[in-house]
Protein backbone atom coordinates (compact mmCIF):
# COMPACT_ATOMS: atom_id res chain seq x y z
CA MET A 1 181.72 20.93 91.77
CA ASP A 2 184.26 19.82 94.38
CA GLU A 3 183.15 16.23 95.02
CA THR A 4 185.59 15.76 97.92
CA LEU A 5 184.29 18.79 99.79
CA PHE A 6 180.70 17.73 99.19
CA ALA A 7 181.43 14.23 100.51
CA GLN A 8 183.09 15.67 103.62
CA TYR A 9 180.08 17.89 104.27
CA ALA A 10 177.65 14.99 103.79
CA GLY A 11 179.67 12.88 106.23
CA ASP A 12 179.70 15.69 108.78
CA ILE A 13 175.93 16.18 108.79
CA LYS A 14 175.50 12.42 109.15
CA LYS A 15 177.83 12.35 112.20
CA ARG A 16 175.82 15.13 113.86
CA GLY A 17 172.80 12.82 114.03
CA ILE A 18 170.60 14.90 111.74
CA GLY A 19 167.48 13.06 110.56
CA SER A 20 167.36 11.47 107.13
CA TRP A 21 164.81 13.97 105.74
CA HIS A 22 166.98 16.93 106.75
CA ARG A 23 170.12 15.20 105.48
CA THR A 24 168.45 14.69 102.12
CA LEU A 25 167.33 18.34 102.01
CA LEU A 26 170.79 19.66 102.96
CA GLY A 27 172.56 17.38 100.49
CA ARG A 28 170.21 18.12 97.56
CA GLN A 29 170.15 21.93 98.01
CA THR A 30 173.91 22.13 98.61
CA GLY A 31 174.54 20.08 95.46
CA ILE A 32 172.33 22.41 93.40
CA PHE A 33 174.26 25.44 94.72
CA LEU A 34 177.70 23.93 94.07
CA ARG A 35 176.74 22.92 90.53
CA TRP A 36 175.44 26.45 89.86
CA LEU A 37 178.74 27.93 91.13
CA ALA A 38 180.68 25.58 88.82
CA SER A 39 178.51 26.59 85.84
CA GLN A 40 179.24 30.26 86.55
CA GLY A 41 182.97 29.67 87.02
CA ILE A 42 182.87 30.99 90.61
CA SER A 43 184.86 29.44 93.45
CA LEU A 44 183.62 29.19 97.03
CA ALA A 45 186.14 31.82 98.12
CA GLN A 46 184.53 34.28 95.66
CA ALA A 47 181.00 33.66 96.89
CA ASP A 48 179.79 36.89 98.54
CA GLY A 49 176.39 38.45 99.20
CA ASP A 50 175.90 39.49 95.58
CA VAL A 51 176.73 35.97 94.33
CA LEU A 52 174.22 34.40 96.75
CA THR A 53 171.56 36.91 95.74
CA GLY A 54 172.24 36.03 92.10
CA TYR A 55 171.84 32.34 92.90
CA LEU A 56 168.49 32.94 94.65
CA LYS A 57 167.28 35.06 91.72
CA HIS A 58 168.28 32.24 89.38
CA ARG A 59 166.20 29.82 91.43
CA GLN A 60 163.33 32.34 91.49
CA ALA A 61 163.46 32.69 87.70
CA GLN A 62 163.16 28.91 87.38
CA GLY A 63 159.77 29.13 89.08
CA ASN A 64 160.70 28.00 92.58
CA LYS A 65 158.18 29.04 95.21
CA ARG A 66 159.03 31.38 98.09
CA LEU A 67 159.11 28.51 100.63
CA THR A 68 161.64 26.63 98.48
CA LEU A 69 163.83 29.74 98.26
CA ILE A 70 163.70 30.13 102.06
CA GLN A 71 164.74 26.48 102.45
CA ALA A 72 167.59 26.99 99.95
CA LEU A 73 168.85 30.01 101.88
CA GLY A 74 168.64 28.10 105.17
CA VAL A 75 170.75 25.31 103.68
CA LEU A 76 173.34 27.86 102.50
CA ARG A 77 173.56 29.33 106.01
CA HIS A 78 174.22 25.85 107.43
CA PHE A 79 176.76 25.02 104.70
CA PHE A 80 178.76 28.23 105.07
CA ARG A 81 178.84 27.89 108.87
CA TYR A 82 180.49 24.50 108.27
CA LEU A 83 183.00 26.10 105.86
CA VAL A 84 183.86 28.85 108.37
CA GLU A 85 184.36 26.28 111.16
CA ARG A 86 186.76 24.32 108.90
CA LYS A 87 188.44 27.63 107.89
CA ILE A 88 187.78 26.87 104.23
CA VAL A 89 186.33 30.42 103.88
CA GLN A 90 187.06 33.46 106.07
CA GLN A 91 183.54 34.76 106.69
CA ASN A 92 179.93 33.74 106.21
CA PRO A 93 178.45 35.63 103.18
CA THR A 94 174.88 34.64 104.12
CA GLU A 95 174.77 37.21 106.95
CA GLY A 96 172.32 39.95 106.04
CA ILE A 97 170.86 37.98 103.12
CA SER A 98 167.08 37.71 103.04
CA VAL A 99 164.65 36.27 100.51
CA ARG A 100 162.71 39.51 100.89
CA TRP A 101 165.51 41.34 99.08
CA LEU A 102 164.54 39.49 95.90
CA ASP A 103 161.46 41.72 95.61
CA ILE A 104 163.49 44.92 96.13
CA PRO A 105 164.90 46.60 92.99
CA GLY A 106 168.66 46.24 93.10
CA GLY A 107 168.51 43.48 95.72
CA LEU A 108 170.79 43.42 98.75
CA ARG A 109 173.15 46.12 97.45
CA GLY A 110 170.42 48.12 95.75
CA TYR A 111 169.97 50.62 98.62
CA GLN A 112 172.82 52.02 100.70
CA GLY A 113 171.13 55.20 102.00
CA PRO A 114 170.95 56.66 105.52
CA LEU A 115 168.01 54.46 106.54
CA ARG A 116 170.42 51.51 106.73
CA ARG A 117 171.85 53.16 109.88
CA VAL A 118 168.50 52.52 111.59
CA LEU A 119 166.83 49.63 109.76
CA LYS A 120 168.16 46.26 108.70
CA GLY A 121 165.22 44.38 107.19
CA ALA A 122 164.41 44.62 103.48
CA TYR A 123 160.71 45.20 104.05
CA ALA A 124 161.24 48.00 106.59
CA LEU A 125 163.76 49.78 104.35
CA TRP A 126 161.41 49.59 101.41
CA LYS A 127 158.44 50.70 103.50
CA PHE A 128 160.02 53.79 105.05
CA ARG A 129 161.70 55.29 101.99
CA LEU A 130 158.62 57.55 101.44
CA PRO A 131 159.07 58.71 97.81
CA LEU A 132 156.93 61.87 98.19
CA PHE A 133 159.31 63.18 100.87
CA ALA A 134 162.51 62.41 98.91
CA PRO A 135 165.27 63.56 98.91
CA HIS A 136 164.82 65.41 102.22
CA TRP A 137 163.41 62.47 104.17
CA GLU A 138 166.55 60.37 104.29
CA ALA A 139 168.73 63.44 104.84
CA TYR A 140 166.54 64.26 107.85
CA ILE A 141 166.92 60.77 109.34
CA ASN A 142 170.68 61.06 108.84
CA HIS A 143 170.59 64.48 110.53
CA LEU A 144 168.80 63.06 113.59
CA ALA A 145 171.13 60.04 113.79
CA ASP A 146 174.16 62.36 113.68
CA GLN A 147 172.76 64.22 116.69
CA SER A 148 172.61 60.98 118.71
CA TYR A 149 168.83 60.58 118.79
CA THR A 150 167.93 57.14 120.12
CA ARG A 151 166.65 54.41 117.82
CA ARG A 152 163.33 54.52 119.68
CA THR A 153 162.89 58.21 118.82
CA LEU A 154 163.91 57.61 115.21
CA PHE A 155 161.31 54.84 114.91
CA GLN A 156 158.62 57.19 116.25
CA VAL A 157 159.64 59.85 113.73
CA MET A 158 159.51 57.34 110.87
CA GLU A 159 156.22 55.79 111.99
CA HIS A 160 154.21 59.00 112.23
CA ASN A 161 155.69 60.49 109.05
CA PHE A 162 154.86 57.21 107.27
CA TYR A 163 151.18 57.54 108.26
CA PHE A 164 151.20 61.20 107.21
CA HIS A 165 152.73 60.13 103.87
CA GLN A 166 149.91 57.61 103.41
CA TYR A 167 147.34 60.30 104.19
CA LEU A 168 148.84 62.66 101.60
CA ASP A 169 148.90 59.87 99.04
CA GLY A 170 145.20 59.22 99.70
CA LYS A 171 144.53 62.93 99.10
CA LYS A 172 146.33 62.65 95.71
CA ILE A 173 149.08 65.07 96.78
CA GLN A 174 152.00 64.08 94.53
CA ASP A 175 154.12 67.24 94.78
CA PHE A 176 156.02 68.00 98.00
CA SER A 177 155.66 71.77 97.48
CA ARG A 178 151.87 71.40 97.79
CA ILE A 179 152.17 70.36 101.45
CA THR A 180 151.07 73.26 103.69
CA PRO A 181 150.42 73.85 107.40
CA GLY A 182 146.78 73.31 106.50
CA SER A 183 147.63 69.78 105.29
CA LEU A 184 149.18 69.01 108.68
CA ARG A 185 146.20 70.44 110.58
CA ALA A 186 143.79 68.41 108.44
CA TYR A 187 145.80 65.24 109.10
CA LEU A 188 145.74 65.85 112.86
CA ARG A 189 141.94 66.27 112.74
CA TYR A 190 141.70 63.03 110.75
CA LYS A 191 143.99 61.27 113.23
CA ALA A 192 141.96 62.56 116.21
CA LYS A 193 138.72 61.34 114.60
CA ARG A 194 140.16 57.85 114.00
CA PHE A 195 141.47 57.77 117.57
CA GLN A 196 138.00 58.64 118.91
CA GLU A 197 136.38 55.91 116.81
CA LYS A 198 138.90 53.29 117.92
CA HIS A 199 139.17 54.05 121.66
CA GLY A 200 135.85 55.71 122.44
CA TYR A 201 137.42 58.84 123.97
CA SER A 202 139.20 61.93 122.68
CA MET A 203 142.86 61.88 121.76
CA PRO A 204 144.90 63.32 124.66
CA LEU A 205 146.35 66.74 123.96
CA TYR A 206 149.92 65.65 124.77
CA TYR A 207 149.68 62.83 122.17
CA ARG A 208 148.33 65.20 119.52
CA LEU A 209 151.16 67.66 120.20
CA HIS A 210 153.66 64.77 120.08
CA ILE A 211 152.49 63.73 116.59
CA ASP A 212 152.36 67.34 115.45
CA GLY A 213 155.96 67.94 116.59
CA LEU A 214 157.39 64.80 114.94
CA ILE A 215 155.89 65.68 111.56
CA LYS A 216 156.32 69.45 111.77
CA ASN A 217 160.02 69.22 112.59
CA PHE A 218 160.62 67.19 109.42
CA LEU A 219 158.61 69.56 107.25
CA VAL A 220 160.45 72.60 108.62
CA PHE A 221 163.78 70.88 107.90
CA ALA A 222 162.75 69.89 104.38
CA PHE A 223 161.43 73.31 103.43
CA GLN A 224 164.58 74.95 104.79
CA GLN A 225 166.59 72.73 102.43
CA ARG A 226 164.41 74.05 99.62
CA GLY A 227 165.25 77.59 100.62
CA ARG A 228 161.85 78.67 101.93
CA PRO A 229 160.00 78.44 105.26
CA PHE A 230 157.27 75.88 105.89
CA PHE A 231 155.24 78.41 107.89
CA PRO A 232 154.65 81.66 105.99
CA PRO A 233 156.52 84.48 107.74
CA ARG A 234 154.40 86.75 109.85
CA SER A 235 153.95 90.20 108.44
CA LYS A 236 156.04 92.34 110.73
CA GLN A 237 154.49 95.70 111.44
CA GLU A 238 157.21 98.33 111.22
CA ASN A 239 157.49 100.33 114.40
CA THR A 240 156.87 103.84 113.13
CA VAL A 241 158.02 105.72 116.22
CA LEU A 242 161.04 103.51 117.06
CA PRO A 243 162.10 101.92 113.74
CA ASP A 244 164.70 99.14 113.61
CA SER A 245 167.24 101.46 111.99
CA LEU A 246 167.09 103.80 115.02
CA LEU A 247 167.41 100.90 117.48
CA ASP A 248 170.38 99.61 115.48
CA ARG A 249 172.10 103.00 115.78
CA HIS A 250 171.52 103.04 119.55
CA ASN A 251 172.80 99.48 119.79
CA ASP A 252 176.04 100.40 117.97
CA PHE A 253 176.48 103.53 120.10
CA CYS A 254 176.18 101.56 123.37
CA ARG A 255 178.51 98.84 122.13
CA ILE A 256 181.24 101.21 120.87
CA HIS A 257 181.09 104.11 123.33
CA ARG A 258 179.74 102.46 126.49
CA GLY A 259 181.26 99.00 126.07
CA LEU A 260 178.04 97.18 126.99
CA SER A 261 177.96 93.40 126.66
CA SER A 262 175.90 91.62 124.02
CA SER A 263 173.46 90.28 126.65
CA THR A 264 172.82 93.82 127.97
CA LEU A 265 172.34 95.15 124.44
CA SER A 266 169.88 92.36 123.69
CA ALA A 267 167.89 93.20 126.84
CA TYR A 268 167.88 96.93 125.96
CA ARG A 269 166.59 96.12 122.48
CA ARG A 270 163.80 93.99 123.92
CA TYR A 271 162.66 96.72 126.35
CA LEU A 272 162.74 99.41 123.65
CA THR A 273 160.76 97.23 121.22
CA SER A 274 158.08 96.87 123.91
CA LEU A 275 158.12 100.65 124.37
CA GLY A 276 157.64 101.16 120.63
CA SER A 277 154.62 98.84 120.56
CA PHE A 278 153.14 100.65 123.56
CA LEU A 279 153.59 104.08 121.94
CA ASN A 280 152.01 102.85 118.70
CA ARG A 281 148.94 101.74 120.66
CA GLN A 282 148.81 105.22 122.20
CA GLY A 283 148.83 106.80 118.73
CA ILE A 284 152.35 108.27 119.03
CA HIS A 285 154.18 108.20 115.68
CA CYS A 286 156.83 110.89 116.13
CA LEU A 287 159.82 110.99 118.50
CA LYS A 288 159.19 114.60 119.44
CA SER A 289 155.65 113.69 120.55
CA ILE A 290 156.98 111.42 123.30
CA THR A 291 156.54 112.99 126.72
CA ILE A 292 157.24 111.83 130.25
CA LYS A 293 153.51 111.13 130.62
CA TYR A 294 153.69 108.27 128.12
CA LEU A 295 156.93 106.91 129.58
CA ASP A 296 155.43 106.89 133.08
CA ALA A 297 152.37 105.07 131.73
CA PHE A 298 154.65 102.51 130.05
CA LEU A 299 156.59 101.91 133.28
CA VAL A 300 153.39 101.56 135.31
CA ASN A 301 152.20 98.98 132.79
CA GLU A 302 155.51 97.08 132.99
CA ALA A 303 155.44 97.17 136.80
CA LYS A 304 152.39 94.87 136.73
CA ARG A 305 154.56 91.99 135.54
CA LEU A 306 158.11 92.89 136.65
CA ASN A 307 159.72 93.06 140.08
CA PRO A 308 161.57 96.25 141.15
CA LYS A 309 164.97 94.93 140.12
CA SER A 310 163.79 94.10 136.59
CA LEU A 311 162.01 97.45 136.38
CA GLN A 312 165.30 99.17 137.20
CA TYR A 313 166.81 97.53 134.12
CA VAL A 314 163.92 98.84 132.00
CA VAL A 315 164.46 102.38 133.31
CA SER A 316 168.19 102.06 132.63
CA ALA A 317 167.44 101.11 129.00
CA LEU A 318 165.07 104.08 128.60
CA ARG A 319 167.60 106.53 130.08
CA SER A 320 170.32 105.26 127.77
CA PHE A 321 168.07 105.54 124.73
CA PHE A 322 166.72 109.03 125.40
CA ARG A 323 170.17 110.37 126.28
CA PHE A 324 171.30 109.03 122.91
CA LEU A 325 168.38 110.75 121.15
CA HIS A 326 169.09 114.06 122.89
CA LEU A 327 172.82 113.82 122.15
CA HIS A 328 172.12 113.34 118.44
CA GLY A 329 169.49 116.06 118.23
CA GLU A 330 166.55 113.74 117.67
CA ILE A 331 164.60 115.27 120.59
CA ASN A 332 164.78 118.78 122.08
CA SER A 333 164.89 117.99 125.83
CA ASP A 334 166.73 115.35 127.84
CA ILE A 335 163.83 113.24 129.09
CA ALA A 336 166.30 110.81 130.71
CA ARG A 337 166.89 113.29 133.57
CA VAL A 338 163.33 112.98 134.85
CA LEU A 339 162.98 109.19 134.51
CA ILE A 340 162.80 107.86 138.09
CA SER A 341 163.90 104.34 138.87
CA PRO A 342 162.08 102.34 141.59
CA SER A 343 163.87 102.50 144.94
CA ARG A 344 165.85 99.54 146.16
CA PHE A 345 168.00 100.15 149.23
CA ARG A 346 171.52 98.76 148.99
CA SER A 347 171.51 97.86 152.65
CA ASP A 348 168.68 95.41 151.92
CA LEU A 349 170.58 93.66 149.12
CA ARG A 350 172.14 90.93 151.19
CA PRO A 351 173.63 88.04 149.24
CA LYS A 352 172.30 84.59 150.08
CA TYR A 353 174.83 81.87 150.79
CA LEU A 354 175.36 78.40 152.23
CA PRO A 355 178.03 77.69 154.86
CA TRP A 356 181.02 75.86 153.41
CA PRO A 357 180.26 72.53 155.20
CA LYS A 358 176.90 72.51 153.40
CA ILE A 359 178.63 73.19 150.08
CA GLN A 360 180.83 70.16 150.73
CA LYS A 361 177.74 68.10 151.56
CA LEU A 362 176.13 69.23 148.31
CA LEU A 363 179.15 68.21 146.22
CA ALA A 364 179.47 64.86 148.02
CA SER A 365 175.81 64.04 147.30
CA ILE A 366 176.30 63.91 143.51
CA ASP A 367 176.38 60.37 142.10
CA ARG A 368 179.44 60.25 139.83
CA SER A 369 178.99 56.69 138.63
CA HIS A 370 177.53 57.87 135.30
CA ARG A 371 178.23 60.58 132.75
CA VAL A 372 175.50 63.01 133.84
CA GLY A 373 176.76 62.88 137.44
CA LYS A 374 180.35 63.51 136.34
CA ARG A 375 179.22 66.49 134.28
CA ASP A 376 177.09 68.00 137.04
CA TYR A 377 179.86 67.53 139.59
CA ALA A 378 182.38 69.34 137.36
CA ILE A 379 179.93 72.22 136.84
CA LEU A 380 179.22 72.66 140.56
CA MET A 381 182.96 72.49 141.32
CA LEU A 382 183.51 75.46 138.98
CA LEU A 383 180.65 77.39 140.57
CA ALA A 384 181.52 76.62 144.20
CA HIS A 385 185.34 76.51 144.11
CA HIS A 386 185.91 79.34 141.63
CA GLY A 387 182.80 81.52 141.88
CA LEU A 388 182.04 81.39 138.17
CA ARG A 389 178.79 82.73 136.84
CA ALA A 390 176.54 80.16 135.19
CA ARG A 391 177.13 81.51 131.69
CA GLU A 392 180.90 81.58 132.28
CA ALA A 393 180.86 77.89 133.17
CA ALA A 394 178.64 77.09 130.16
CA ALA A 395 180.95 78.99 127.78
CA LEU A 396 184.13 77.28 129.01
CA ARG A 397 185.86 75.42 126.16
CA ILE A 398 188.13 72.41 126.19
CA SER A 399 190.96 74.55 124.79
CA ASP A 400 190.51 77.05 127.65
CA ILE A 401 191.93 74.60 130.20
CA ASP A 402 195.72 74.81 130.51
CA TRP A 403 196.57 71.58 132.31
CA ASP A 404 200.30 72.35 132.51
CA LYS A 405 199.85 75.78 134.12
CA HIS A 406 196.82 74.68 136.18
CA SER A 407 194.66 77.54 134.93
CA MET A 408 191.62 78.27 132.79
CA PHE A 409 190.86 81.12 130.40
CA LEU A 410 187.60 82.99 131.02
CA ARG A 411 186.55 85.05 128.03
CA HIS A 412 184.04 87.88 127.95
CA ARG A 413 183.28 88.18 131.66
CA LYS A 414 180.55 90.54 132.78
CA ASP A 415 183.06 93.35 133.36
CA GLY A 416 184.13 93.08 129.70
CA THR A 417 187.53 91.51 130.37
CA SER A 418 189.07 88.13 129.64
CA VAL A 419 191.30 86.63 132.30
CA GLN A 420 193.41 83.59 133.11
CA MET A 421 192.28 82.08 136.41
CA PRO A 422 194.00 79.37 138.50
CA THR A 423 192.24 76.02 138.88
CA SER A 424 192.20 73.90 142.00
CA PRO A 425 193.41 70.26 141.89
CA GLN A 426 189.91 69.04 142.82
CA THR A 427 188.36 70.96 139.91
CA GLU A 428 190.97 69.65 137.47
CA GLU A 429 190.26 66.10 138.62
CA ALA A 430 186.51 66.62 138.14
CA LEU A 431 187.04 68.06 134.63
CA ARG A 432 189.35 65.20 133.60
CA ASP A 433 186.83 62.69 134.94
CA TYR A 434 184.04 64.19 132.82
CA LEU A 435 186.10 64.74 129.66
CA ALA A 436 187.10 61.07 129.73
CA VAL A 437 183.44 60.08 129.18
CA ARG A 438 182.14 63.19 127.36
CA SER A 439 179.98 62.42 124.32
CA ALA A 440 181.66 62.77 120.95
CA CYS A 441 180.50 66.17 119.68
CA PRO A 442 182.32 68.75 117.51
CA ALA A 443 181.21 71.62 119.79
CA PRO A 444 184.24 73.28 121.48
CA GLU A 445 182.41 73.83 124.78
CA ILE A 446 183.17 71.39 127.59
CA PHE A 447 179.65 70.79 128.88
CA LEU A 448 177.02 69.18 126.64
CA THR A 449 173.43 68.12 127.03
CA GLU A 450 172.98 64.38 127.45
CA SER A 451 169.72 64.10 125.52
CA ALA A 452 169.65 64.56 121.77
CA PRO A 453 170.35 66.82 120.05
CA MET A 454 173.82 67.05 121.57
CA LYS A 455 174.67 70.72 122.00
CA PRO A 456 176.42 73.09 124.44
CA PHE A 457 174.71 73.58 127.78
CA GLU A 458 174.04 77.33 127.47
CA ARG A 459 171.46 78.39 130.10
CA ALA A 460 170.85 74.88 131.46
CA VAL A 461 173.61 75.36 134.08
CA TYR A 462 171.07 77.26 136.21
CA GLY A 463 168.84 74.19 136.27
CA VAL A 464 171.69 71.84 137.22
CA ALA A 465 172.57 73.88 140.31
CA ARG A 466 168.94 74.35 141.36
CA ARG A 467 168.12 70.65 140.92
CA HIS A 468 170.95 69.43 143.13
CA ILE A 469 170.42 72.10 145.80
CA MET A 470 166.73 71.27 146.09
CA LYS A 471 167.51 67.55 146.17
CA VAL A 472 169.84 67.96 149.16
CA PHE A 473 168.33 70.89 151.10
CA GLY A 474 164.77 71.09 149.82
CA LYS A 475 163.23 74.48 149.09
CA LEU A 476 165.31 77.20 150.75
CA PRO A 477 163.81 80.50 152.00
CA PHE A 478 165.87 82.42 149.42
CA SER A 479 166.79 82.16 145.75
CA GLN A 480 168.50 78.91 144.78
CA GLY A 481 170.79 78.21 141.87
CA ALA A 482 174.16 78.98 140.38
CA HIS A 483 174.44 82.43 142.00
CA LEU A 484 173.91 80.94 145.46
CA LEU A 485 177.13 78.96 145.02
CA ARG A 486 178.92 82.08 143.79
CA HIS A 487 177.88 83.96 146.94
CA SER A 488 178.96 81.01 149.07
CA PHE A 489 182.39 81.12 147.38
CA ALA A 490 182.77 84.82 148.22
CA LYS A 491 181.72 84.21 151.82
CA ALA A 492 184.28 81.40 152.17
CA LEU A 493 187.03 83.72 150.86
CA LEU A 494 186.14 86.42 153.39
CA ASP A 495 186.08 83.85 156.20
CA ARG A 496 189.63 82.85 155.27
CA GLY A 497 190.90 86.41 155.45
CA ALA A 498 190.87 87.43 151.78
CA LYS A 499 190.88 91.16 151.07
CA LEU A 500 187.86 92.76 149.43
CA GLN A 501 189.89 93.71 146.34
CA GLU A 502 191.04 90.10 145.92
CA VAL A 503 187.48 88.84 146.16
CA GLY A 504 186.39 91.41 143.55
CA VAL A 505 189.10 90.26 141.11
CA LEU A 506 188.16 86.59 141.46
CA LEU A 507 184.46 87.36 141.03
CA GLY A 508 185.09 89.61 138.02
CA HIS A 509 183.49 92.73 139.48
CA ARG A 510 183.92 95.97 137.60
CA SER A 511 183.46 98.11 140.70
CA LEU A 512 184.43 97.56 144.33
CA ARG A 513 180.93 98.75 145.28
CA ASN A 514 179.57 95.44 143.94
CA THR A 515 181.99 93.49 146.12
CA GLN A 516 181.16 95.53 149.25
CA MET A 517 177.79 93.79 149.36
CA TYR A 518 179.59 90.67 150.65
CA THR A 519 180.80 92.50 153.77
CA ARG A 520 177.20 92.30 155.03
CA ILE A 521 177.46 88.53 155.40
CA ALA A 522 180.75 88.61 157.32
CA THR A 523 178.75 88.07 160.50
CA GLU A 524 181.67 86.89 162.64
CA GLU A 525 183.73 90.00 161.87
CA LEU A 526 180.74 92.28 162.43
CA ARG A 527 180.08 90.61 165.78
CA GLU A 528 183.70 91.21 166.77
CA VAL A 529 183.40 94.88 165.81
CA ALA A 530 180.22 95.19 167.87
CA ASP A 531 181.86 93.56 170.89
CA ASN A 532 184.89 95.88 170.67
CA TYR A 533 182.61 98.90 170.33
CA ALA A 534 180.72 97.80 173.46
CA ASP A 535 184.03 97.54 175.36
CA LEU A 536 184.96 101.08 174.27
CA LEU A 537 181.67 102.41 175.54
């Protein structure tokens, strides 16, 4: 033992005015520790967390009580703080040491799993390891932490799965594969009964669903890792009249020969699956038994829940499918010729828009002091200043922005093309502002959700536009959302003298007929035409 160092330490604690009882305690416990180090041939510079744990275990083996061990550890904390202040050692090895670790197999270094990302205390780590759920449990916590779930959410996940683990243990379920959806339902009934007994009223439905979701999500994850589903797959009834193989052939035909987009093909498949289910209920099991009577009945049934525009899409899918069948000899007559689509007059299809001063007011209203505001502002800039569709903005990738050429690459537009579009300085500034604070996520898309799990925005762009429009203007008398800003962009171009063809190119229209709709909102030009016509008369 270094007598000089010990004497210096004793003199220091005396100068600090510490009472005699505490001085005696500090001196005695420090002396015991230094003598133990000398007996082990360990210098103070070599004393780390493992060495201190070994010292406490040595004291424990000698029969020292828990309170004495806590006092010994407290003295070591005080002693090593003194050594760090005098720069005798570089860092304090007592940080993270707890007497509780003495009861944990392996001690301080005995567990280095994913739970250490969330929990620090020995007791909590030991409590939440949940042996029945291993090895999937800790992998699941790691999975949630990687997706930026908050510590509060992780604690809720661990708490409710811990109680479920206790319930299973009480039911003598020792094999993870024996856990079934019935086990979860039984636990929820048990939990609801205990809640009723404790509070005197029924468990709220939202709380029951909350518990169910926290446990079910883990079980689904764990069973997926085992290569099988937690919920048994539903027995899918094969559609006898429109089998999947036939729908696949139609899908390939439309993709190769008609060049339809994936979203259109997905919608067609959905409508035709509904038709197949309807025909099965009518007792039709052969393609050649399908007549216009059944198709009319199907459309009448669909009209109860769809508006005329949506019903037009359904009729378009049916025409495409029955033309395909007739072309390939599956049916004798071309039923598609007699399928009538609901009438919608083009002159009534007026685009809704906001005047440009209101668009500027909308953009100025967004609070850009935080990350969500910066993201929303960048999205609305793309919609209002460039007329992008919502899905085009959501699909935009970081690599698609060419900062040097001041352009962006739009892939897979609705007309089937990919194009390089110029970007305005204001939009570039908004994108740079957001990318500077964007969450770290491996996804290539620019825009991410801000609540865990972090993922690309996808369809949420519609909600962003609607939320900000309603916040500024309230409920408008026409449809609100991303497309409203697109229409406002087209109107602003026409007001500034852009040609119809130029507007069509910027909007990504396949046909000029789609762009002609915007001439109906050129009210100033139409008024001028009317005035000139009156002068001629």
